[in-house]
Amino acid sequence: MNSFITIAGVTLIGLMLLVLIRVIKGPTVIDRLVAVNVIGTKSIVLLLFSGILFGQLDMFVDIALGYGLLNFIVSIAASRYYQHRKCLEQKGGNS
């Protein structure tokens, strides 16, 4: 069971690295915000995998819930900030 959780965790880290390319390249602010949110969601799953591996799932569930709430609040705050600044649309005529 522990080897399965370890392999799944390493796979999730690999997927997070692929999503990191979308965070860096863009092309729009919305793409970057969604990619950061995806990385945050995968981090929550990694926290739960860590709880299973260390045998203290109840403690890691509390940490994951707090991190998930923080991830949600930051996503909403960043969306409102960019909406207020009117820079969510891609600049230029590349539609």
N, C-alpha and C. Protein backbone atom coordinates (compact mmCIF):
# COMPACT_ATOMS: atom_id res chain seq x y z
N MET A 1 0.82 -1.20 0.00
CA MET A 1 0.00 0.00 0.00
C MET A 1 0.86 1.26 0.00
N ASN A 2 1.95 1.22 0.79
CA ASN A 2 2.81 2.41 0.85
C ASN A 2 3.50 2.67 -0.48
N SER A 3 3.85 1.63 -1.22
CA SER A 3 4.50 1.85 -2.51
C SER A 3 3.51 2.47 -3.51
N PHE A 4 2.24 2.07 -3.44
CA PHE A 4 1.24 2.67 -4.32
C PHE A 4 1.07 4.16 -4.02
N ILE A 5 1.01 4.51 -2.72
CA ILE A 5 0.86 5.92 -2.34
C ILE A 5 2.09 6.72 -2.77
N THR A 6 3.26 6.13 -2.63
CA THR A 6 4.49 6.82 -3.03
C THR A 6 4.51 7.05 -4.54
N ILE A 7 4.15 6.04 -5.32
CA ILE A 7 4.13 6.19 -6.77
C ILE A 7 3.08 7.22 -7.19
N ALA A 8 1.93 7.20 -6.55
CA ALA A 8 0.88 8.19 -6.87
C ALA A 8 1.35 9.60 -6.51
N GLY A 9 2.07 9.74 -5.40
CA GLY A 9 2.60 11.05 -5.02
C GLY A 9 3.63 11.57 -5.99
N VAL A 10 4.52 10.71 -6.44
CA VAL A 10 5.53 11.12 -7.41
C VAL A 10 4.87 11.49 -8.74
N THR A 11 3.84 10.75 -9.12
CA THR A 11 3.10 11.07 -10.34
C THR A 11 2.42 12.43 -10.22
N LEU A 12 1.84 12.72 -9.06
CA LEU A 12 1.21 14.03 -8.86
C LEU A 12 2.22 15.15 -8.92
N ILE A 13 3.42 14.93 -8.37
CA ILE A 13 4.46 15.96 -8.45
C ILE A 13 4.85 16.20 -9.91
N GLY A 14 4.94 15.13 -10.70
CA GLY A 14 5.22 15.29 -12.13
C GLY A 14 4.13 16.07 -12.84
N LEU A 15 2.88 15.79 -12.51
CA LEU A 15 1.77 16.55 -13.12
C LEU A 15 1.81 18.02 -12.69
N MET A 16 2.21 18.26 -11.45
CA MET A 16 2.31 19.64 -10.98
C MET A 16 3.40 20.40 -11.74
N LEU A 17 4.48 19.72 -12.08
CA LEU A 17 5.53 20.36 -12.87
C LEU A 17 5.05 20.69 -14.27
N LEU A 18 4.21 19.83 -14.84
CA LEU A 18 3.64 20.14 -16.16
C LEU A 18 2.72 21.36 -16.10
N VAL A 19 1.94 21.46 -15.04
CA VAL A 19 1.03 22.60 -14.89
C VAL A 19 1.83 23.88 -14.63
N LEU A 20 3.01 23.73 -14.02
CA LEU A 20 3.86 24.90 -13.77
C LEU A 20 4.26 25.58 -15.08
N ILE A 21 4.35 24.83 -16.16
CA ILE A 21 4.65 25.42 -17.46
C ILE A 21 3.53 26.38 -17.86
N ARG A 22 2.28 26.00 -17.59
CA ARG A 22 1.14 26.87 -17.91
C ARG A 22 1.16 28.13 -17.05
N VAL A 23 1.63 28.00 -15.80
CA VAL A 23 1.72 29.17 -14.93
C VAL A 23 2.74 30.15 -15.49
N ILE A 24 3.83 29.65 -15.99
CA ILE A 24 4.90 30.53 -16.48
C ILE A 24 4.56 31.12 -17.84
N LYS A 25 4.06 30.30 -18.78
CA LYS A 25 3.83 30.76 -20.15
C LYS A 25 2.54 31.54 -20.33
N GLY A 26 1.52 31.23 -19.61
CA GLY A 26 0.25 31.97 -19.77
C GLY A 26 -0.69 31.29 -20.71
N PRO A 27 -1.19 31.84 -21.72
CA PRO A 27 -1.03 33.15 -22.33
C PRO A 27 -1.84 34.26 -21.67
N THR A 28 -2.88 33.92 -20.91
CA THR A 28 -3.67 34.98 -20.27
C THR A 28 -3.57 34.84 -18.75
N VAL A 29 -4.04 35.85 -18.07
CA VAL A 29 -4.03 35.85 -16.61
C VAL A 29 -4.97 34.77 -16.08
N ILE A 30 -6.07 34.54 -16.76
CA ILE A 30 -7.02 33.52 -16.33
C ILE A 30 -6.37 32.14 -16.37
N ASP A 31 -5.61 31.86 -17.43
CA ASP A 31 -4.91 30.58 -17.53
C ASP A 31 -3.94 30.41 -16.35
N ARG A 32 -3.25 31.47 -16.01
CA ARG A 32 -2.30 31.40 -14.90
C ARG A 32 -3.00 31.19 -13.56
N LEU A 33 -4.12 31.87 -13.36
CA LEU A 33 -4.87 31.71 -12.11
C LEU A 33 -5.41 30.29 -11.96
N VAL A 34 -5.94 29.74 -13.03
CA VAL A 34 -6.48 28.38 -12.98
C VAL A 34 -5.35 27.38 -12.75
N ALA A 35 -4.20 27.59 -13.37
CA ALA A 35 -3.08 26.68 -13.19
C ALA A 35 -2.56 26.71 -11.75
N VAL A 36 -2.50 27.88 -11.16
CA VAL A 36 -2.07 27.97 -9.75
C VAL A 36 -3.09 27.28 -8.86
N ASN A 37 -4.36 27.41 -9.18
CA ASN A 37 -5.40 26.74 -8.40
C ASN A 37 -5.30 25.21 -8.53
N VAL A 38 -4.96 24.73 -9.71
CA VAL A 38 -4.78 23.29 -9.91
C VAL A 38 -3.59 22.79 -9.09
N ILE A 39 -2.51 23.55 -9.06
CA ILE A 39 -1.35 23.16 -8.25
C ILE A 39 -1.73 23.12 -6.77
N GLY A 40 -2.52 24.07 -6.32
CA GLY A 40 -2.98 24.07 -4.93
C GLY A 40 -3.84 22.86 -4.61
N THR A 41 -4.69 22.47 -5.54
CA THR A 41 -5.54 21.30 -5.33
C THR A 41 -4.71 20.02 -5.26
N LYS A 42 -3.75 19.90 -6.13
CA LYS A 42 -2.88 18.73 -6.10
C LYS A 42 -2.03 18.70 -4.84
N SER A 43 -1.68 19.86 -4.31
CA SER A 43 -0.92 19.92 -3.06
C SER A 43 -1.75 19.38 -1.90
N ILE A 44 -3.04 19.63 -1.93
CA ILE A 44 -3.93 19.09 -0.88
C ILE A 44 -3.92 17.57 -0.92
N VAL A 45 -3.97 17.01 -2.11
CA VAL A 45 -3.94 15.55 -2.24
C VAL A 45 -2.59 15.01 -1.76
N LEU A 46 -1.51 15.72 -2.06
CA LEU A 46 -0.19 15.29 -1.58
C LEU A 46 -0.11 15.33 -0.06
N LEU A 47 -0.74 16.32 0.55
CA LEU A 47 -0.78 16.37 2.01
C LEU A 47 -1.51 15.15 2.59
N LEU A 48 -2.60 14.77 1.94
CA LEU A 48 -3.33 13.60 2.41
C LEU A 48 -2.53 12.31 2.21
N PHE A 49 -1.80 12.22 1.10
CA PHE A 49 -0.92 11.08 0.90
C PHE A 49 0.16 11.03 1.98
N SER A 50 0.68 12.19 2.34
CA SER A 50 1.69 12.23 3.41
C SER A 50 1.10 11.75 4.73
N GLY A 51 -0.14 12.12 5.00
CA GLY A 51 -0.80 11.65 6.21
C GLY A 51 -0.96 10.15 6.24
N ILE A 52 -1.24 9.57 5.09
CA ILE A 52 -1.36 8.11 5.02
C ILE A 52 0.01 7.46 5.26
N LEU A 53 1.05 8.02 4.65
CA LEU A 53 2.39 7.44 4.79
C LEU A 53 2.92 7.55 6.21
N PHE A 54 2.66 8.66 6.89
CA PHE A 54 3.15 8.85 8.25
C PHE A 54 2.23 8.26 9.31
N GLY A 55 1.05 7.81 8.90
CA GLY A 55 0.14 7.19 9.84
C GLY A 55 -0.61 8.16 10.73
N GLN A 56 -0.66 9.42 10.35
CA GLN A 56 -1.38 10.44 11.12
C GLN A 56 -2.31 11.21 10.20
N LEU A 57 -3.24 10.48 9.63
CA LEU A 57 -4.12 11.08 8.63
C LEU A 57 -4.99 12.18 9.22
N ASP A 58 -5.43 12.03 10.48
CA ASP A 58 -6.31 13.05 11.07
C ASP A 58 -5.63 14.41 11.17
N MET A 59 -4.34 14.44 11.49
CA MET A 59 -3.63 15.71 11.57
C MET A 59 -3.46 16.33 10.18
N PHE A 60 -3.13 15.51 9.20
CA PHE A 60 -2.91 16.03 7.86
C PHE A 60 -4.22 16.44 7.19
N VAL A 61 -5.35 15.85 7.57
CA VAL A 61 -6.64 16.29 7.04
C VAL A 61 -6.93 17.71 7.51
N ASP A 62 -6.64 18.00 8.78
CA ASP A 62 -6.84 19.36 9.28
C ASP A 62 -5.97 20.37 8.53
N ILE A 63 -4.72 20.00 8.30
CA ILE A 63 -3.81 20.89 7.56
C ILE A 63 -4.30 21.08 6.13
N ALA A 64 -4.76 19.99 5.50
CA ALA A 64 -5.24 20.07 4.12
C ALA A 64 -6.49 20.93 4.01
N LEU A 65 -7.38 20.83 5.00
CA LEU A 65 -8.58 21.68 4.98
C LEU A 65 -8.22 23.16 5.11
N GLY A 66 -7.29 23.47 5.99
CA GLY A 66 -6.84 24.85 6.13
C GLY A 66 -6.18 25.36 4.87
N TYR A 67 -5.34 24.53 4.26
CA TYR A 67 -4.68 24.93 3.02
C TYR A 67 -5.69 25.09 1.88
N GLY A 68 -6.68 24.23 1.82
CA GLY A 68 -7.71 24.34 0.79
C GLY A 68 -8.51 25.63 0.93
N LEU A 69 -8.84 25.99 2.17
CA LEU A 69 -9.56 27.23 2.41
C LEU A 69 -8.71 28.43 2.01
N LEU A 70 -7.44 28.39 2.35
CA LEU A 70 -6.53 29.48 1.98
C LEU A 70 -6.39 29.57 0.46
N ASN A 71 -6.30 28.44 -0.21
CA ASN A 71 -6.20 28.41 -1.67
C ASN A 71 -7.44 29.02 -2.30
N PHE A 72 -8.62 28.70 -1.78
CA PHE A 72 -9.87 29.25 -2.31
C PHE A 72 -9.93 30.76 -2.12
N ILE A 73 -9.58 31.24 -0.93
CA ILE A 73 -9.65 32.68 -0.64
C ILE A 73 -8.67 33.45 -1.52
N VAL A 74 -7.46 32.92 -1.70
CA VAL A 74 -6.48 33.61 -2.54
C VAL A 74 -6.93 33.62 -4.00
N SER A 75 -7.55 32.56 -4.46
CA SER A 75 -8.05 32.53 -5.85
C SER A 75 -9.14 33.59 -6.06
N ILE A 76 -10.05 33.70 -5.12
CA ILE A 76 -11.10 34.71 -5.23
C ILE A 76 -10.51 36.11 -5.16
N ALA A 77 -9.57 36.34 -4.26
CA ALA A 77 -8.96 37.67 -4.12
C ALA A 77 -8.19 38.05 -5.39
N ALA A 78 -7.44 37.12 -5.95
CA ALA A 78 -6.69 37.42 -7.17
C ALA A 78 -7.63 37.67 -8.34
N SER A 79 -8.71 36.91 -8.44
CA SER A 79 -9.68 37.13 -9.52
C SER A 79 -10.32 38.51 -9.41
N ARG A 80 -10.70 38.89 -8.21
CA ARG A 80 -11.31 40.22 -8.04
C ARG A 80 -10.31 41.33 -8.31
N TYR A 81 -9.05 41.12 -7.92
CA TYR A 81 -8.02 42.13 -8.16
C TYR A 81 -7.83 42.35 -9.66
N TYR A 82 -7.68 41.25 -10.41
CA TYR A 82 -7.48 41.39 -11.85
C TYR A 82 -8.73 41.86 -12.57
N GLN A 83 -9.91 41.53 -12.04
CA GLN A 83 -11.14 42.02 -12.64
C GLN A 83 -11.27 43.53 -12.41
N HIS A 84 -10.88 43.97 -11.23
CA HIS A 84 -10.94 45.40 -10.93
C HIS A 84 -9.96 46.19 -11.80
N ARG A 85 -8.80 45.63 -12.07
CA ARG A 85 -7.80 46.30 -12.89
C ARG A 85 -8.08 46.15 -14.38
N LYS A 86 -9.09 45.37 -14.73
CA LYS A 86 -9.51 45.17 -16.13
C LYS A 86 -8.39 44.59 -16.99
N CYS A 87 -7.58 43.71 -16.42
CA CYS A 87 -6.50 43.12 -17.21
C CYS A 87 -6.67 41.61 -17.34
N LEU A 88 -7.90 41.12 -17.26
CA LEU A 88 -8.15 39.71 -17.47
C LEU A 88 -8.16 39.35 -18.95
N GLU A 89 -8.49 40.30 -19.78
CA GLU A 89 -8.53 40.03 -21.22
C GLU A 89 -7.13 40.06 -21.78
N GLN A 90 -6.93 39.23 -22.83
CA GLN A 90 -5.64 39.19 -23.48
C GLN A 90 -5.49 40.45 -24.33
N LYS A 91 -4.35 41.09 -24.22
CA LYS A 91 -4.10 42.31 -24.98
C LYS A 91 -3.74 41.95 -26.42
N GLY A 92 -4.18 42.76 -27.34
CA GLY A 92 -3.89 42.51 -28.74
C GLY A 92 -5.10 41.93 -29.45
N GLY A 93 -4.98 41.73 -30.74
CA GLY A 93 -6.12 41.25 -31.53
C GLY A 93 -6.00 39.79 -31.89
N ASN A 94 -5.49 38.96 -31.01
CA ASN A 94 -5.31 37.53 -31.30
C ASN A 94 -6.51 36.72 -30.85
N SER A 95 -7.67 36.92 -31.43
CA SER A 95 -8.85 36.16 -31.03
C SER A 95 -9.01 34.96 -31.86
